[in-house]
Amino acid sequence: MNSRENAKRLEEHNSVSDRFAAKARLNLNDLLKRRSAEKQVDKKTNLIIISSATAIALVVLLILSL
C-alpha cells in the first residue's frame, strides 16, 4: 500500500510540474511585431478621432456663423 501511495504522490507532483514546465519562452521578435501592429492600430484610431473632432468643430462653426 505504501508504494502505491508514493507512486500516486509522485504522479501528482509530476503532473503539477509538467503543467508549469510546458510554457513556451517569450520570443522578443514576436513581442516587437505585436507592438508594431498595435502602434499602427493606435495611429489609425487617433487619426479617426482627430478627424471626427475637426469635422464636428467645423459643423459647429458653420452653424454659429449662420
Protein backbone atom coordinates (compact mmCIF):
# COMPACT_ATOMS: atom_id res chain seq x y z
CA MET A 1 0.00 0.00 0.00
CA ASN A 2 2.79 2.39 0.83
CA SER A 3 4.38 2.03 -2.59
CA ARG A 4 1.03 2.81 -4.25
CA GLU A 5 0.65 5.98 -2.19
CA ASN A 6 4.19 7.03 -3.03
CA ALA A 7 3.57 6.36 -6.72
CA LYS A 8 0.35 8.36 -6.61
CA ARG A 9 2.05 11.31 -4.88
CA LEU A 10 4.94 11.20 -7.35
CA GLU A 11 2.49 11.16 -10.26
CA GLU A 12 0.59 14.16 -8.85
CA HIS A 13 3.85 16.04 -8.34
CA ASN A 14 4.97 15.31 -11.90
CA SER A 15 1.66 16.44 -13.38
CA VAL A 16 1.88 19.73 -11.47
CA SER A 17 5.48 20.37 -12.50
CA ASP A 18 4.68 19.44 -16.14
CA ARG A 19 1.88 21.98 -16.17
CA PHE A 20 4.29 24.78 -15.32
CA ALA A 21 7.18 23.47 -17.43
CA ALA A 22 5.07 23.36 -20.61
CA LYS A 23 5.04 27.15 -21.00
CA ALA A 24 6.91 28.35 -24.05
CA ARG A 25 9.54 31.03 -23.77
CA LEU A 26 8.68 34.55 -24.80
CA ASN A 27 10.04 35.49 -28.18
CA LEU A 28 11.22 39.08 -28.28
CA ASN A 29 10.72 39.33 -32.05
CA ASP A 30 7.08 38.31 -31.69
CA LEU A 31 6.57 40.92 -28.98
CA LEU A 32 8.17 43.63 -31.14
CA LYS A 33 5.99 42.69 -34.13
CA ARG A 34 2.89 42.72 -31.95
CA ARG A 35 3.83 46.17 -30.56
CA SER A 36 4.39 47.47 -34.10
CA ALA A 37 0.96 46.24 -35.16
CA GLU A 38 -0.59 47.87 -32.06
CA LYS A 39 1.10 51.17 -32.93
CA GLN A 40 -0.41 51.08 -36.42
CA VAL A 41 -3.87 50.43 -35.00
CA ASP A 42 -3.39 53.26 -32.48
CA LYS A 43 -2.35 55.66 -35.25
CA LYS A 44 -5.46 54.82 -37.27
CA THR A 45 -7.68 55.23 -34.23
CA ASN A 46 -6.10 58.57 -33.33
CA LEU A 47 -6.50 59.79 -36.91
CA ILE A 48 -10.19 58.88 -36.89
CA ILE A 49 -10.73 60.63 -33.55
CA ILE A 50 -8.90 63.81 -34.62
CA SER A 51 -10.67 63.99 -37.97
CA SER A 52 -14.04 63.44 -36.30
CA ALA A 53 -13.37 66.18 -33.76
CA THR A 54 -12.27 68.55 -36.55
CA ALA A 55 -15.38 67.79 -38.60
CA ILE A 56 -17.64 68.41 -35.61
CA ALA A 57 -15.85 71.68 -34.85
CA LEU A 58 -16.30 72.83 -38.46
CA VAL A 59 -20.00 71.96 -38.41
CA VAL A 60 -20.48 73.86 -35.15
CA LEU A 61 -18.62 76.90 -36.58
CA LEU A 62 -20.75 76.79 -39.72
CA ILE A 63 -23.94 76.65 -37.68
CA LEU A 64 -22.83 79.53 -35.41
CA SER A 65 -21.79 81.70 -38.34
CA LEU A 66 -25.25 81.50 -39.93
